[in-house]
Amino acid sequence: MNVYDFDGTIFYSDCSIGFAFWCMKVHPKLWFTFFPGMIWSFIKYKAGVIPNYRLQRNLFSYLTMIDDYDIQIERYWDKYEKRISAWYLAQKRPDDLIISASPECIIGPIAKRLGVKYIATKYDREFGVFLNNLMYAKEKARYIFDHGFPVIDNFYSDSLADTPLALCAEKAYFVKDKATTVVDWPDLDGETMGIVKEKIDTGWNIHLKED
């Protein structure tokens, strides 16, 4: 079984943020009801006032404000499915597993289009709360162990925060250059492990791409 991170790995940009901007374009009221609060949350996060999971929960809050969600998510993927990396499509297998910190309600539709399995953060769009832990860094590896998944043959990610899951795989690959280049996972020397710890502790990789 091959396992893939999604944002920045097989899809260039961050689909949670991308879909937020999509929804703000379709529903301009979100620029007033959602966007200022998101900016304030990011400022508080950078200042160390709120943790990563609270920032992510606040980011996902726009999903509670959309009446036509089912329509908009399909339209979003109609336009942006083309951003799935060519290298991934060339090697895609039906037993692939996508594992992502992005909300399940965003990842699910594209995973179904690709015909692969997926694990993502469960977010209740009615109440605006997580239904499981944020599927980030160590939580990915914990989920794999707790649910008895098959041996991971190959793991792919663009973030060193995913090192815990990379260590669970027979072989791990690092994706860079806007999800276009695949190289071996970096050696975990002292300097690299310092970066790993920092990324796990601080979190939030952002991938943005203009139309």
Protein backbone atom coordinates (compact mmCIF):
# COMPACT_ATOMS: atom_id res chain seq x y z
CA MET A 1 0.00 0.00 0.00
CA ASN A 2 1.25 3.47 -0.90
CA VAL A 3 0.27 6.41 1.35
CA TYR A 4 0.21 10.05 0.31
CA ASP A 5 -0.19 13.38 2.02
CA PHE A 6 -2.44 15.59 -0.10
CA ASP A 7 -1.84 19.37 0.07
CA GLY A 8 1.51 20.23 -1.46
CA THR A 9 2.21 16.57 -2.20
CA ILE A 10 -0.12 15.29 -4.90
CA PHE A 11 -2.07 18.57 -5.11
CA TYR A 12 -0.32 21.91 -5.37
CA SER A 13 -1.79 24.43 -2.94
CA ASP A 14 -3.87 23.99 0.20
CA CYS A 15 -7.39 22.83 -0.66
CA SER A 16 -8.89 24.12 2.61
CA ILE A 17 -7.64 27.64 1.96
CA GLY A 18 -8.32 27.38 -1.76
CA PHE A 19 -11.91 26.34 -1.16
CA ALA A 20 -12.30 29.18 1.38
CA PHE A 21 -11.35 31.72 -1.28
CA TRP A 22 -13.62 29.95 -3.76
CA CYS A 23 -16.54 30.29 -1.34
CA MET A 24 -15.72 33.93 -0.60
CA LYS A 25 -15.87 34.61 -4.33
CA VAL A 26 -19.22 32.86 -4.67
CA HIS A 27 -20.59 34.25 -1.39
CA PRO A 28 -19.01 37.72 -0.88
CA LYS A 29 -20.59 38.07 2.56
CA LEU A 30 -17.86 35.71 3.81
CA TRP A 31 -15.34 38.53 3.37
CA PHE A 32 -17.12 40.15 6.32
CA THR A 33 -18.45 37.18 8.32
CA PHE A 34 -15.39 34.90 8.03
CA PHE A 35 -12.24 36.55 6.68
CA PRO A 36 -11.57 39.17 9.42
CA GLY A 37 -11.92 36.52 12.12
CA MET A 38 -9.54 34.24 10.25
CA ILE A 39 -6.89 36.95 10.00
CA TRP A 40 -7.27 37.67 13.72
CA SER A 41 -6.92 33.97 14.52
CA PHE A 42 -3.72 33.78 12.46
CA ILE A 43 -2.29 36.78 14.31
CA LYS A 44 -3.09 35.17 17.67
CA TYR A 45 -1.56 31.90 16.51
CA LYS A 46 1.67 33.58 15.42
CA ALA A 47 1.78 35.34 18.80
CA GLY A 48 1.44 32.02 20.61
CA VAL A 49 -1.99 32.85 22.05
CA ILE A 50 -3.85 29.93 20.44
CA PRO A 51 -2.56 26.46 19.39
CA ASN A 52 -2.50 25.01 15.89
CA TYR A 53 -5.66 22.94 16.29
CA ARG A 54 -7.64 26.04 17.32
CA LEU A 55 -6.31 27.95 14.32
CA GLN A 56 -7.34 25.13 12.02
CA ARG A 57 -10.77 24.90 13.62
CA ASN A 58 -11.26 28.64 13.07
CA LEU A 59 -10.08 28.29 9.48
CA PHE A 60 -12.57 25.51 8.81
CA SER A 61 -15.41 27.61 10.27
CA TYR A 62 -16.36 28.97 6.84
CA LEU A 63 -17.68 25.48 6.10
CA THR A 64 -20.50 26.15 8.58
CA MET A 65 -21.55 29.29 6.67
CA ILE A 66 -22.29 27.78 3.24
CA ASP A 67 -25.84 26.71 2.38
CA ASP A 68 -24.94 25.22 -1.01
CA TYR A 69 -21.84 23.33 0.15
CA ASP A 70 -22.49 20.15 -1.87
CA ILE A 71 -22.78 22.16 -5.08
CA GLN A 72 -19.74 24.36 -4.47
CA ILE A 73 -17.34 21.55 -3.49
CA GLU A 74 -18.08 19.71 -6.73
CA ARG A 75 -17.64 22.90 -8.74
CA TYR A 76 -14.36 23.58 -6.95
CA TRP A 77 -13.00 20.15 -7.84
CA ASP A 78 -14.35 20.44 -11.40
CA LYS A 79 -11.99 23.38 -11.82
CA TYR A 80 -9.02 22.35 -9.68
CA GLU A 81 -8.80 18.59 -10.15
CA LYS A 82 -6.30 19.46 -12.89
CA ARG A 83 -3.81 20.41 -10.15
CA ILE A 84 -3.35 16.77 -9.17
CA SER A 85 0.31 16.06 -9.92
CA ALA A 86 1.09 14.23 -13.15
CA TRP A 87 3.70 12.04 -11.43
CA TYR A 88 1.03 10.79 -9.04
CA LEU A 89 -1.54 10.04 -11.74
CA ALA A 90 1.12 8.04 -13.60
CA GLN A 91 1.61 5.68 -10.64
CA LYS A 92 -1.82 5.76 -8.97
CA ARG A 93 -3.08 2.41 -7.66
CA PRO A 94 -6.55 1.46 -6.39
CA ASP A 95 -5.19 0.60 -2.94
CA ASP A 96 -3.60 4.04 -2.46
CA LEU A 97 -4.41 5.87 0.76
CA ILE A 98 -4.56 9.67 1.03
CA ILE A 99 -4.11 10.98 4.58
CA SER A 100 -4.62 14.68 5.17
CA ALA A 101 -5.17 17.30 7.86
CA SER A 102 -7.68 19.01 5.56
CA PRO A 103 -11.36 18.36 6.33
CA GLU A 104 -12.85 15.05 5.28
CA CYS A 105 -15.70 16.88 3.56
CA ILE A 106 -13.20 18.51 1.16
CA ILE A 107 -10.83 15.55 0.67
CA GLY A 108 -13.60 12.96 0.26
CA PRO A 109 -14.99 14.19 -3.08
CA ILE A 110 -11.57 14.34 -4.81
CA ALA A 111 -10.50 10.98 -3.36
CA LYS A 112 -13.67 9.44 -4.74
CA ARG A 113 -12.95 10.95 -8.16
CA LEU A 114 -9.48 9.41 -8.01
CA GLY A 115 -10.91 6.09 -6.86
CA VAL A 116 -8.69 5.80 -3.77
CA LYS A 117 -9.17 5.54 -0.01
CA TYR A 118 -8.71 8.52 2.27
CA ILE A 119 -8.35 9.59 5.90
CA ALA A 120 -8.81 13.23 6.85
CA THR A 121 -9.83 15.45 9.73
CA LYS A 122 -13.51 14.98 10.57
CA TYR A 123 -15.14 18.39 11.01
CA ASP A 124 -18.81 18.88 11.88
CA ARG A 125 -20.12 21.52 9.48
CA GLU A 126 -23.23 22.09 11.60
CA PHE A 127 -21.54 22.77 14.94
CA GLY A 128 -18.05 23.82 13.77
CA VAL A 129 -16.10 21.31 15.86
CA PHE A 130 -13.63 18.49 15.26
CA LEU A 131 -15.04 14.98 15.53
CA ASN A 132 -11.56 13.47 15.83
CA ASN A 133 -8.05 14.78 16.39
CA LEU A 134 -6.59 17.08 13.76
CA MET A 135 -5.01 14.62 11.31
CA TYR A 136 -1.59 16.24 11.48
CA ALA A 137 1.95 14.97 12.07
CA LYS A 138 1.98 12.38 14.87
CA GLU A 139 -1.79 11.88 14.65
CA LYS A 140 -1.38 10.35 11.18
CA ALA A 141 1.02 7.70 12.46
CA ARG A 142 -1.16 7.08 15.53
CA TYR A 143 -4.23 6.55 13.33
CA ILE A 144 -2.38 4.07 11.12
CA PHE A 145 -1.27 2.03 14.14
CA ASP A 146 -4.59 2.21 15.97
CA HIS A 147 -6.59 1.05 12.95
CA GLY A 148 -4.30 -1.78 11.87
CA PHE A 149 -3.60 -0.69 8.32
CA PRO A 150 -1.45 -2.90 6.06
CA VAL A 151 2.28 -2.32 5.82
CA ILE A 152 3.07 0.97 4.08
CA ASP A 153 5.27 0.29 1.07
CA ASN A 154 5.90 3.91 0.10
CA PHE A 155 5.00 7.19 1.77
CA TYR A 156 5.03 10.62 0.11
CA SER A 157 4.80 14.06 1.73
CA ASP A 158 6.01 17.61 1.24
CA SER A 159 6.38 18.25 4.99
CA LEU A 160 8.97 17.09 7.51
CA ALA A 161 6.15 17.24 10.07
CA ASP A 162 5.10 13.91 8.55
CA THR A 163 8.34 12.24 9.66
CA PRO A 164 6.49 10.04 12.23
CA LEU A 165 4.51 8.46 9.40
CA ALA A 166 7.53 8.37 7.08
CA LEU A 167 9.27 6.21 9.68
CA CYS A 168 6.37 3.74 9.48
CA ALA A 169 6.96 3.11 5.76
CA GLU A 170 9.35 0.76 4.01
CA LYS A 171 10.41 3.75 1.90
CA ALA A 172 9.61 7.46 2.21
CA TYR A 173 9.81 10.22 -0.38
CA PHE A 174 9.89 13.99 -0.03
CA VAL A 175 7.93 16.09 -2.53
CA LYS A 176 9.06 19.60 -3.43
CA ASP A 177 9.00 22.25 -6.19
CA LYS A 178 5.26 22.84 -6.01
CA ALA A 179 4.39 19.14 -5.89
CA THR A 180 6.35 18.33 -9.05
CA THR A 181 9.59 16.73 -7.82
CA VAL A 182 9.98 13.54 -5.77
CA VAL A 183 13.24 12.78 -3.92
CA ASP A 184 14.31 10.48 -1.11
CA TRP A 185 13.27 11.47 2.41
CA PRO A 186 16.04 13.57 4.02
CA ASP A 187 18.50 11.90 6.36
CA LEU A 188 17.41 12.50 9.94
CA ASP A 189 20.55 14.10 11.28
CA GLY A 190 20.56 16.46 14.23
CA GLU A 191 19.82 19.57 12.20
CA THR A 192 16.97 17.92 10.29
CA MET A 193 15.42 16.55 13.48
CA GLY A 194 15.43 20.08 14.87
CA ILE A 195 13.39 21.17 11.86
CA VAL A 196 11.08 18.18 12.28
CA LYS A 197 10.41 19.09 15.92
CA GLU A 198 9.76 22.72 15.05
CA LYS A 199 7.29 21.81 12.29
CA ILE A 200 5.44 19.34 14.49
CA ASP A 201 5.26 21.85 17.34
CA THR A 202 4.19 24.83 15.24
CA GLY A 203 2.35 23.19 12.34
CA TRP A 204 0.42 24.77 9.49
CA ASN A 205 2.08 24.49 6.12
CA ILE A 206 0.35 26.82 3.67
CA HIS A 207 0.33 26.26 -0.07
CA LEU A 208 -1.24 29.00 -2.15
CA LYS A 209 -1.49 29.26 -5.90
CA GLU A 210 -3.11 31.96 -7.97
CA ASP A 211 -5.51 31.05 -10.79
